[in-house]
C-alpha atoms as a PDB file:
ATOM      1  CA  MET A   1       0.000   0.000   0.000  1.00  0.00           C
ATOM      2  CA  SER A   2       1.400   3.401  -0.953  1.00  0.00           C
ATOM      3  CA  ILE A   3       1.946   5.946   1.809  1.00  0.00           C
ATOM      4  CA  LEU A   4       0.538   9.456   1.503  1.00  0.00           C
ATOM      5  CA  THR A   5       3.333  12.035   1.167  1.00  0.00           C
ATOM      6  CA  LEU A   6       2.680  15.662   2.119  1.00  0.00           C
ATOM      7  CA  HIS A   7       4.755  18.306   0.359  1.00  0.00           C
ATOM      8  CA  THR A   8       5.972  21.668   1.604  1.00  0.00           C
ATOM      9  CA  GLN A   9       4.578  23.578  -1.367  1.00  0.00           C
ATOM     10  CA  HIS A  10       1.084  22.343  -0.551  1.00  0.00           C
ATOM     11  CA  ILE A  11       1.003  23.691   3.008  1.00  0.00           C
ATOM     12  CA  MET A  12       3.314  26.741   2.914  1.00  0.00           C
ATOM     13  CA  GLU A  13       3.649  29.851   0.852  1.00  0.00           C
ATOM     14  CA  PRO A  14       6.969  30.225  -1.014  1.00  0.00           C
ATOM     15  CA  TYR A  15       8.134  32.903   1.447  1.00  0.00           C
ATOM     16  CA  GLU A  16       7.284  30.882   4.595  1.00  0.00           C
ATOM     17  CA  ASP A  17       9.876  29.010   6.656  1.00  0.00           C
ATOM     18  CA  ALA A  18       7.219  27.254   8.729  1.00  0.00           C
ATOM     19  CA  ARG A  19       3.511  26.697   9.157  1.00  0.00           C
ATOM     20  CA  PHE A  20       2.079  27.074  12.661  1.00  0.00           C
ATOM     21  CA  ALA A  21      -1.016  25.214  13.836  1.00  0.00           C
ATOM     22  CA  LEU A  22      -2.573  25.280  17.288  1.00  0.00           C
ATOM     23  CA  PRO A  23      -5.936  23.522  17.040  1.00  0.00           C
ATOM     24  CA  PRO A  24      -7.918  24.085  20.240  1.00  0.00           C
ATOM     25  CA  ARG A  25      -9.050  20.456  20.197  1.00  0.00           C
ATOM     26  CA  PHE A  26      -7.849  17.213  18.630  1.00  0.00           C
ATOM     27  CA  GLY A  27     -10.929  15.234  17.654  1.00  0.00           C
ATOM     28  CA  TYR A  28      -9.908  12.917  14.860  1.00  0.00           C
ATOM     29  CA  TRP A  29      -7.454  10.321  13.664  1.00  0.00           C
ATOM     30  CA  SER A  30      -5.062  10.692  10.744  1.00  0.00           C
ATOM     31  CA  ILE A  31      -4.020   8.226   8.060  1.00  0.00           C
ATOM     32  CA  PRO A  32      -0.379   7.033   7.882  1.00  0.00           C
ATOM     33  CA  HIS A  33       1.700   9.590   6.024  1.00  0.00           C
ATOM     34  CA  THR A  34       5.154  11.032   5.581  1.00  0.00           C
ATOM     35  CA  HIS A  35       6.300  14.453   4.388  1.00  0.00           C
ATOM     36  CA  ASP A  36       9.278  16.366   3.067  1.00  0.00           C
ATOM     37  CA  PHE A  37       9.345  18.782   6.024  1.00  0.00           C
ATOM     38  CA  TYR A  38      10.100  18.547   9.743  1.00  0.00           C
ATOM     39  CA  GLU A  39       7.473  18.724  12.471  1.00  0.00           C
ATOM     40  CA  ILE A  40       7.602  19.651  16.161  1.00  0.00           C
ATOM     41  CA  PHE A  41       4.547  18.338  17.992  1.00  0.00           C
ATOM     42  CA  LEU A  42       3.607  19.111  21.616  1.00  0.00           C
ATOM     43  CA  VAL A  43       0.678  17.465  23.410  1.00  0.00           C
ATOM     44  CA  ALA A  44      -0.575  20.272  25.649  1.00  0.00           C
ATOM     45  CA  ALA A  45      -3.530  18.412  27.196  1.00  0.00           C
ATOM     46  CA  GLY A  46      -4.993  14.926  26.991  1.00  0.00           C
ATOM     47  CA  THR A  47      -3.383  11.808  25.535  1.00  0.00           C
ATOM     48  CA  VAL A  48      -2.667  10.885  21.911  1.00  0.00           C
ATOM     49  CA  THR A  49      -1.551   7.594  20.388  1.00  0.00           C
ATOM     50  CA  HIS A  50       1.280   8.166  17.913  1.00  0.00           C
ATOM     51  CA  VAL A  51       1.868   5.351  15.428  1.00  0.00           C
ATOM     52  CA  VAL A  52       5.321   5.977  13.979  1.00  0.00           C
ATOM     53  CA  ASN A  53       7.613   3.691  11.985  1.00  0.00           C
ATOM     54  CA  ASN A  54       5.355   0.734  12.912  1.00  0.00           C
ATOM     55  CA  ILE A  55       5.614   1.494  16.662  1.00  0.00           C
ATOM     56  CA  ARG A  56       2.664   2.614  18.790  1.00  0.00           C
ATOM     57  CA  GLN A  57       3.484   5.291  21.353  1.00  0.00           C
ATOM     58  CA  VAL A  58       1.133   6.720  23.966  1.00  0.00           C
ATOM     59  CA  LEU A  59       1.834  10.443  24.287  1.00  0.00           C
ATOM     60  CA  PRO A  60       0.456  12.027  27.474  1.00  0.00           C
ATOM     61  CA  ALA A  61       0.281  15.763  28.074  1.00  0.00           C
ATOM     62  CA  GLY A  62       3.750  17.278  28.080  1.00  0.00           C
ATOM     63  CA  THR A  63       5.175  15.034  25.354  1.00  0.00           C
ATOM     64  CA  LEU A  64       7.299  16.916  22.834  1.00  0.00           C
ATOM     65  CA  THR A  65       8.215  15.078  19.617  1.00  0.00           C
ATOM     66  CA  PHE A  66      10.617  15.965  16.795  1.00  0.00           C
ATOM     67  CA  VAL A  67       9.348  14.285  13.614  1.00  0.00           C
ATOM     68  CA  ARG A  68      11.728  13.918  10.656  1.00  0.00           C
ATOM     69  CA  PRO A  69      10.880  13.852   6.920  1.00  0.00           C
ATOM     70  CA  HIS A  70      11.601  10.114   6.666  1.00  0.00           C
ATOM     71  CA  ASP A  71       9.239   9.120   9.492  1.00  0.00           C
ATOM     72  CA  VAL A  72       5.934   7.439   8.596  1.00  0.00           C
ATOM     73  CA  HIS A  73       3.338   8.271  11.211  1.00  0.00           C
ATOM     74  CA  SER A  74      -0.278   8.863  12.128  1.00  0.00           C
ATOM     75  CA  PHE A  75      -2.229   9.990  15.184  1.00  0.00           C
ATOM     76  CA  GLU A  76      -5.192   8.568  17.041  1.00  0.00           C
ATOM     77  CA  LYS A  77      -7.227  10.235  19.743  1.00  0.00           C
ATOM     78  CA  ASN A  78      -6.798   8.276  22.960  1.00  0.00           C
ATOM     79  CA  GLY A  79      -9.903   8.177  25.148  1.00  0.00           C
ATOM     80  CA  SER A  80     -12.919  10.450  25.226  1.00  0.00           C
ATOM     81  CA  GLY A  81     -11.332  13.555  26.748  1.00  0.00           C
ATOM     82  CA  ASP A  82     -10.329  16.699  24.896  1.00  0.00           C
ATOM     83  CA  ILE A  83      -6.906  16.895  23.279  1.00  0.00           C
ATOM     84  CA  CYS A  84      -5.044  20.175  22.804  1.00  0.00           C
ATOM     85  CA  TYR A  85      -1.802  20.242  20.878  1.00  0.00           C
ATOM     86  CA  MET A  86       0.740  22.515  19.199  1.00  0.00           C
ATOM     87  CA  ASN A  87       2.136  21.613  15.804  1.00  0.00           C
ATOM     88  CA  VAL A  88       4.752  23.486  13.781  1.00  0.00           C
ATOM     89  CA  ASN A  89       5.940  22.323  10.351  1.00  0.00           C
ATOM     90  CA  PHE A  90       9.388  23.555   9.246  1.00  0.00           C
ATOM     91  CA  ARG A  91      10.965  23.521   5.810  1.00  0.00           C
ATOM     92  CA  ALA A  92      13.809  21.011   5.679  1.00  0.00           C
ATOM     93  CA  SER A  93      16.139  23.793   4.518  1.00  0.00           C
ATOM     94  CA  THR A  94      15.228  25.908   7.572  1.00  0.00           C
ATOM     95  CA  ILE A  95      16.089  23.034   9.926  1.00  0.00           C
ATOM     96  CA  MET A  96      19.353  22.332   8.075  1.00  0.00           C
ATOM     97  CA  HIS A  97      20.382  25.983   8.265  1.00  0.00           C
ATOM     98  CA  ALA A  98      19.692  25.947  12.006  1.00  0.00           C
ATOM     99  CA  PHE A  99      21.786  22.795  12.465  1.00  0.00           C
ATOM    100  CA  ASP A 100      24.643  24.333  10.465  1.00  0.00           C
ATOM    101  CA  TYR A 101      24.517  27.517  12.522  1.00  0.00           C
ATOM    102  CA  LEU A 102      24.520  25.624  15.837  1.00  0.00           C
ATOM    103  CA  GLY A 103      27.608  23.670  14.761  1.00  0.00           C
ATOM    104  CA  SER A 104      28.938  20.185  15.441  1.00  0.00           C
ATOM    105  CA  GLY A 105      28.470  20.486  19.207  1.00  0.00           C
ATOM    106  CA  PHE A 106      24.718  20.367  18.752  1.00  0.00           C
ATOM    107  CA  LYS A 107      25.054  16.797  17.419  1.00  0.00           C
ATOM    108  CA  SER A 108      22.141  16.990  15.012  1.00  0.00           C
ATOM    109  CA  GLU A 109      22.700  13.349  14.032  1.00  0.00           C
ATOM    110  CA  ARG A 110      21.059  12.388  17.341  1.00  0.00           C
ATOM    111  CA  LEU A 111      17.837  13.838  16.029  1.00  0.00           C
ATOM    112  CA  ASN A 112      18.067  12.670  12.431  1.00  0.00           C
ATOM    113  CA  GLU A 113      19.494   9.158  12.754  1.00  0.00           C
ATOM    114  CA  SER A 114      17.606   7.588  15.661  1.00  0.00           C
ATOM    115  CA  PRO A 115      15.109   4.828  14.709  1.00  0.00           C
ATOM    116  CA  LEU A 116      12.215   6.745  16.266  1.00  0.00           C
ATOM    117  CA  PRO A 117      11.583  10.480  16.425  1.00  0.00           C
ATOM    118  CA  PRO A 118      13.261  12.084  19.463  1.00  0.00           C
ATOM    119  CA  MET A 119      10.655  12.448  22.189  1.00  0.00           C
ATOM    120  CA  LEU A 120      10.809  13.913  25.675  1.00  0.00           C
ATOM    121  CA  SER A 121       8.541  14.893  28.521  1.00  0.00           C
ATOM    122  CA  VAL A 122       8.301  18.541  29.585  1.00  0.00           C
ATOM    123  CA  SER A 123       6.797  20.062  32.701  1.00  0.00           C
ATOM    124  CA  PRO A 124       3.440  21.882  32.924  1.00  0.00           C
ATOM    125  CA  GLU A 125       5.446  25.097  33.260  1.00  0.00           C
ATOM    126  CA  ASP A 126       7.304  24.283  30.044  1.00  0.00           C
ATOM    127  CA  ILE A 127       3.969  23.671  28.294  1.00  0.00           C
ATOM    128  CA  GLU A 128       2.682  27.092  29.347  1.00  0.00           C
ATOM    129  CA  GLN A 129       5.888  28.860  28.333  1.00  0.00           C
ATOM    130  CA  THR A 130       6.052  27.076  24.985  1.00  0.00           C
ATOM    131  CA  LEU A 131       2.439  27.901  24.147  1.00  0.00           C
ATOM    132  CA  GLY A 132       3.113  31.503  25.157  1.00  0.00           C
ATOM    133  CA  LEU A 133       6.152  31.624  22.867  1.00  0.00           C
ATOM    134  CA  TYR A 134       4.060  30.090  20.088  1.00  0.00           C
ATOM    135  CA  LYS A 135       1.333  32.709  20.421  1.00  0.00           C
ATOM    136  CA  ARG A 136       3.844  35.582  20.520  1.00  0.00           C
ATOM    137  CA  THR A 137       5.532  34.232  17.389  1.00  0.00           C
ATOM    138  CA  VAL A 138       2.227  33.970  15.530  1.00  0.00           C
ATOM    139  CA  ALA A 139       1.380  37.544  16.581  1.00  0.00           C
ATOM    140  CA  LEU A 140       4.747  38.774  15.274  1.00  0.00           C
ATOM    141  CA  LEU A 141       4.211  36.962  11.969  1.00  0.00           C
ATOM    142  CA  THR A 142       0.759  38.483  11.642  1.00  0.00           C
ATOM    143  CA  HIS A 143       2.101  42.028  11.966  1.00  0.00           C
ATOM    144  CA  SER A 144       5.427  41.613  10.142  1.00  0.00           C
ATOM    145  CA  PRO A 145       6.218  41.774   6.418  1.00  0.00           C
ATOM    146  CA  SER A 146       5.812  38.396   4.731  1.00  0.00           C
ATOM    147  CA  THR A 147       9.546  38.320   3.995  1.00  0.00           C
ATOM    148  CA  ASP A 148      10.511  38.620   7.684  1.00  0.00           C
ATOM    149  CA  THR A 149      11.885  35.207   8.712  1.00  0.00           C
ATOM    150  CA  THR A 150      13.190  36.305  12.109  1.00  0.00           C
ATOM    151  CA  PRO A 151      10.186  35.262  14.276  1.00  0.00           C
ATOM    152  CA  VAL A 152      10.179  31.701  12.902  1.00  0.00           C
ATOM    153  CA  ARG A 153      13.936  31.283  13.235  1.00  0.00           C
ATOM    154  CA  ALA A 154      13.926  32.688  16.761  1.00  0.00           C
ATOM    155  CA  PHE A 155      11.151  30.255  17.725  1.00  0.00           C
ATOM    156  CA  LEU A 156      13.048  27.321  16.200  1.00  0.00           C
ATOM    157  CA  MET A 157      16.308  28.210  17.946  1.00  0.00           C
ATOM    158  CA  GLU A 158      14.505  28.500  21.276  1.00  0.00           C
ATOM    159  CA  MET A 159      12.966  25.044  20.842  1.00  0.00           C
ATOM    160  CA  LEU A 160      16.214  23.400  19.719  1.00  0.00           C
ATOM    161  CA  LEU A 161      18.389  24.925  22.429  1.00  0.00           C
ATOM    162  CA  ARG A 162      15.883  24.600  25.244  1.00  0.00           C
ATOM    163  CA  PHE A 163      14.791  21.033  24.631  1.00  0.00           C
ATOM    164  CA  PHE A 164      17.166  19.285  22.234  1.00  0.00           C
ATOM    165  CA  TYR A 165      20.654  20.623  23.005  1.00  0.00           C
ATOM    166  CA  PRO A 166      22.435  17.792  24.900  1.00  0.00           C
ATOM    167  CA  GLN A 167      24.373  20.091  27.248  1.00  0.00           C
ATOM    168  CA  MET A 168      21.096  21.621  28.412  1.00  0.00           C
ATOM    169  CA  GLU A 169      18.983  18.479  28.616  1.00  0.00           C
ATOM    170  CA  GLN A 170      18.518  16.838  31.980  1.00  0.00           C
ATOM    171  CA  THR A 171      17.288  13.269  31.906  1.00  0.00           C
ATOM    172  CA  ASP A 172      16.140  12.551  28.400  1.00  0.00           C
ATOM    173  CA  MET A 173      19.443  11.998  26.567  1.00  0.00           C
ATOM    174  CA  THR A 174      21.827  11.518  29.486  1.00  0.00           C
ATOM    175  CA  GLY A 175      23.838   8.424  30.384  1.00  0.00           C
ATOM    176  CA  PRO A 176      24.093   5.127  28.497  1.00  0.00           C
ATOM    177  CA  ARG A 177      21.785   4.507  25.568  1.00  0.00           C
ATOM    178  CA  TRP A 178      19.866   1.743  27.341  1.00  0.00           C
ATOM    179  CA  LEU A 179      18.996   4.198  30.145  1.00  0.00           C
ATOM    180  CA  SER A 180      17.681   6.827  27.708  1.00  0.00           C
ATOM    181  CA  GLU A 181      15.580   4.172  25.982  1.00  0.00           C
ATOM    182  CA  LEU A 182      14.284   2.838  29.308  1.00  0.00           C
ATOM    183  CA  LEU A 183      13.281   6.282  30.572  1.00  0.00           C
ATOM    184  CA  GLU A 184      11.613   7.065  27.259  1.00  0.00           C
ATOM    185  CA  GLU A 185       9.649   3.814  27.499  1.00  0.00           C
ATOM    186  CA  MET A 186       8.657   4.623  31.084  1.00  0.00           C
ATOM    187  CA  ASP A 187       7.616   8.199  30.376  1.00  0.00           C
ATOM    188  CA  ASN A 188       3.971   7.558  29.519  1.00  0.00           C
ATOM    189  CA  GLU A 189       0.807   7.330  31.553  1.00  0.00           C
ATOM    190  CA  ASN A 190       0.469   3.530  31.575  1.00  0.00           C
ATOM    191  CA  SER A 191       4.102   2.846  32.491  1.00  0.00           C
ATOM    192  CA  LEU A 192       4.138   5.469  35.240  1.00  0.00           C
ATOM    193  CA  ALA A 193       0.965   4.025  36.735  1.00  0.00           C
ATOM    194  CA  GLU A 194       2.615   0.605  37.049  1.00  0.00           C
ATOM    195  CA  GLY A 195       5.781   2.261  38.288  1.00  0.00           C
ATOM    196  CA  LEU A 196       8.861   0.546  39.656  1.00  0.00           C
ATOM    197  CA  THR A 197       7.642  -2.960  38.835  1.00  0.00           C
ATOM    198  CA  ARG A 198       7.427  -2.083  35.139  1.00  0.00           C
ATOM    199  CA  MET A 199      10.766  -0.257  35.167  1.00  0.00           C
ATOM    200  CA  GLN A 200      12.508  -3.284  36.672  1.00  0.00           C
ATOM    201  CA  ARG A 201      10.859  -5.581  34.140  1.00  0.00           C
ATOM    202  CA  LEU A 202      11.923  -3.413  31.191  1.00  0.00           C
ATOM    203  CA  SER A 203      15.437  -2.763  32.465  1.00  0.00           C
ATOM    204  CA  PRO A 204      18.220  -4.718  30.707  1.00  0.00           C
ATOM    205  CA  VAL A 205      20.336  -4.629  33.887  1.00  0.00           C
ATOM    206  CA  SER A 206      19.901  -5.667  37.511  1.00  0.00           C
ATOM    207  CA  THR A 207      17.955  -3.499  39.945  1.00  0.00           C
ATOM    208  CA  GLU A 208      21.177  -2.610  41.767  1.00  0.00           C
ATOM    209  CA  HIS A 209      22.906  -1.616  38.510  1.00  0.00           C
ATOM    210  CA  LEU A 210      19.889   0.434  37.475  1.00  0.00           C
ATOM    211  CA  CYS A 211      19.868   2.325  40.783  1.00  0.00           C
ATOM    212  CA  ARG A 212      23.605   3.084  40.589  1.00  0.00           C
ATOM    213  CA  THR A 213      23.385   4.249  36.969  1.00  0.00           C
ATOM    214  CA  MET A 214      20.406   6.533  37.519  1.00  0.00           C
ATOM    215  CA  LYS A 215      21.956   8.028  40.633  1.00  0.00           C
ATOM    216  CA  LYS A 216      25.195   8.682  38.762  1.00  0.00           C
ATOM    217  CA  HIS A 217      23.751  10.209  35.605  1.00  0.00           C
ATOM    218  CA  ILE A 218      20.549  11.959  36.675  1.00  0.00           C
ATOM    219  CA  GLY A 219      20.950  12.232  40.428  1.00  0.00           C
ATOM    220  CA  LYS A 220      17.762  10.333  41.269  1.00  0.00           C
ATOM    221  CA  THR A 221      16.804   6.827  42.307  1.00  0.00           C
ATOM    222  CA  PRO A 222      14.242   4.996  40.146  1.00  0.00           C
ATOM    223  CA  THR A 223      11.520   5.696  42.721  1.00  0.00           C
ATOM    224  CA  GLU A 224      12.393   9.396  42.891  1.00  0.00           C
ATOM    225  CA  TRP A 225      12.346   9.674  39.095  1.00  0.00           C
ATOM    226  CA  ILE A 226       8.996   7.870  38.810  1.00  0.00           C
ATOM    227  CA  ASN A 227       7.411  10.016  41.523  1.00  0.00           C
ATOM    228  CA  GLU A 228       8.684  13.211  39.875  1.00  0.00           C
ATOM    229  CA  ARG A 229       7.172  12.196  36.536  1.00  0.00           C
ATOM    230  CA  ARG A 230       3.907  11.173  38.212  1.00  0.00           C
ATOM    231  CA  LEU A 231       3.701  14.570  39.886  1.00  0.00           C
ATOM    232  CA  ARG A 232       4.238  16.294  36.538  1.00  0.00           C
ATOM    233  CA  ALA A 233       1.383  14.267  35.085  1.00  0.00           C
ATOM    234  CA  ALA A 234      -0.794  15.174  38.073  1.00  0.00           C
ATOM    235  CA  ALA A 235       0.035  18.881  37.722  1.00  0.00           C
ATOM    236  CA  SER A 236      -0.896  18.775  34.043  1.00  0.00           C
ATOM    237  CA  ARG A 237      -4.278  17.163  34.763  1.00  0.00           C
ATOM    238  CA  LEU A 238      -4.968  19.601  37.584  1.00  0.00           C
ATOM    239  CA  THR A 239      -4.371  22.438  35.133  1.00  0.00           C
ATOM    240  CA  VAL A 240      -6.574  21.246  32.276  1.00  0.00           C
ATOM    241  CA  SER A 241      -9.242  19.002  33.828  1.00  0.00           C
ATOM    242  CA  THR A 242     -11.920  18.944  36.504  1.00  0.00           C
ATOM    243  CA  ASP A 243     -11.143  15.369  37.570  1.00  0.00           C
ATOM    244  CA  GLU A 244     -11.341  14.602  41.276  1.00  0.00           C
ATOM    245  CA  ILE A 245      -7.945  14.880  42.951  1.00  0.00           C
ATOM    246  CA  ALA A 246      -8.264  11.394  44.413  1.00  0.00           C
ATOM    247  CA  ALA A 247      -8.944   9.983  40.938  1.00  0.00           C
ATOM    248  CA  ILE A 248      -5.857  11.729  39.569  1.00  0.00           C
ATOM    249  CA  CYS A 249      -3.792  10.399  42.461  1.00  0.00           C
ATOM    250  CA  PHE A 250      -4.750   6.781  41.860  1.00  0.00           C
ATOM    251  CA  ASP A 251      -4.712   7.032  38.066  1.00  0.00           C
ATOM    252  CA  ILE A 252      -1.071   8.093  37.997  1.00  0.00           C
ATOM    253  CA  GLY A 253       0.006   5.270  40.285  1.00  0.00           C
ATOM    254  CA  PHE A 254      -0.036   6.478  43.884  1.00  0.00           C
ATOM    255  CA  ASN A 255      -1.723   4.159  46.388  1.00  0.00           C
ATOM    256  CA  SER A 256      -1.971   6.713  49.198  1.00  0.00           C
ATOM    257  CA  LEU A 257      -3.744  10.047  48.892  1.00  0.00           C
ATOM    258  CA  SER A 258      -1.909  11.486  51.899  1.00  0.00           C
ATOM    259  CA  TYR A 259       1.470  10.460  50.446  1.00  0.00           C
ATOM    260  CA  PHE A 260       0.503  12.075  47.145  1.00  0.00           C
ATOM    261  CA  TYR A 261      -0.389  15.311  48.942  1.00  0.00           C
ATOM    262  CA  THR A 262       2.917  15.254  50.834  1.00  0.00           C
ATOM    263  CA  LEU A 263       5.005  14.780  47.688  1.00  0.00           C
ATOM    264  CA  PHE A 264       2.993  17.314  45.694  1.00  0.00           C
ATOM    265  CA  CYS A 265       3.375  19.990  48.357  1.00  0.00           C
ATOM    266  CA  LYS A 266       7.101  19.305  48.530  1.00  0.00           C
ATOM    267  CA  GLN A 267       7.458  19.518  44.730  1.00  0.00           C
ATOM    268  CA  TYR A 268       5.246  22.549  44.043  1.00  0.00           C
ATOM    269  CA  GLY A 269       5.131  24.354  47.377  1.00  0.00           C
ATOM    270  CA  MET A 270       1.328  24.136  47.638  1.00  0.00           C
ATOM    271  CA  SER A 271      -1.460  21.582  47.847  1.00  0.00           C
ATOM    272  CA  PRO A 272      -3.044  20.121  44.691  1.00  0.00           C
ATOM    273  CA  ASN A 273      -6.230  22.107  45.432  1.00  0.00           C
ATOM    274  CA  VAL A 274      -4.378  25.431  45.589  1.00  0.00           C
ATOM    275  CA  TYR A 275      -2.282  24.543  42.532  1.00  0.00           C
ATOM    276  CA  ARG A 276      -5.436  23.833  40.486  1.00  0.00           C
ATOM    277  CA  ARG A 277      -7.130  27.034  41.662  1.00  0.00           C
ATOM    278  CA  ASN A 278      -4.099  29.166  40.794  1.00  0.00           C
ATOM    279  CA  LYS A 279      -3.580  27.594  37.359  1.00  0.00           C
ATOM    280  CA  GLN A 280      -7.215  27.648  36.296  1.00  0.00           C
ATOM    281  CA  GLN A 281      -7.527  31.328  37.218  1.00  0.00           C
ATOM    282  CA  ILE A 282      -4.766  32.290  34.767  1.00  0.00           C
END
């Protein structure tokens, strides 16, 4: 079966370096396709299933993905809740110019040569800041001459340096390859809910070796890392949903509501109730 190929000239004007899209809701599925441009995709709320290069990935809120021209992918809405996402398509030449400008230290081959699109989890604060940057860039493009490429290039540089520059990344591309792959596999809603048991089952090394390696490279034990990611997921749901706090607690894998409250207060300096009230008033 032939795969649909999307072409730059069909979605962008000749003077455009990128095409920005911020649908308020994701309510459909897409057919498998590839394209001759790059794509940066951020799930801002909800959960999406990404089928890419014959692999199914569950992308919860906060998942940022860098899709390359050679990737074959499609999206499926996951569950009945609303999905909000940010999508930016970049000309291949614009990405290549950015890589050239950043130089060999950026190690662009990490992004282009991996079997699956680079994917990482960002915090609720990162989601807010990225969406804010997106909206400011679109506003600049709206009021600038069509030949002005600065807003797009500034946006791209911010995304590449903030999220994909290895010296500035924290846990997503640090340490041995097996650790990066394990953490990527763990960084979704289903894996986090199962927690340490799943991490130990997926790990190619002993529990003791895993603990030593994580402590060395990211400064956290497996349990600390899992709890931190669970709290991020909880914070995201508190921001965008009206779900009961107890339901969120148990959905993300905590067995004790009081323990969840203790960890959340320690992480964010306030209770889940106050956090939700503050975020939903913004």
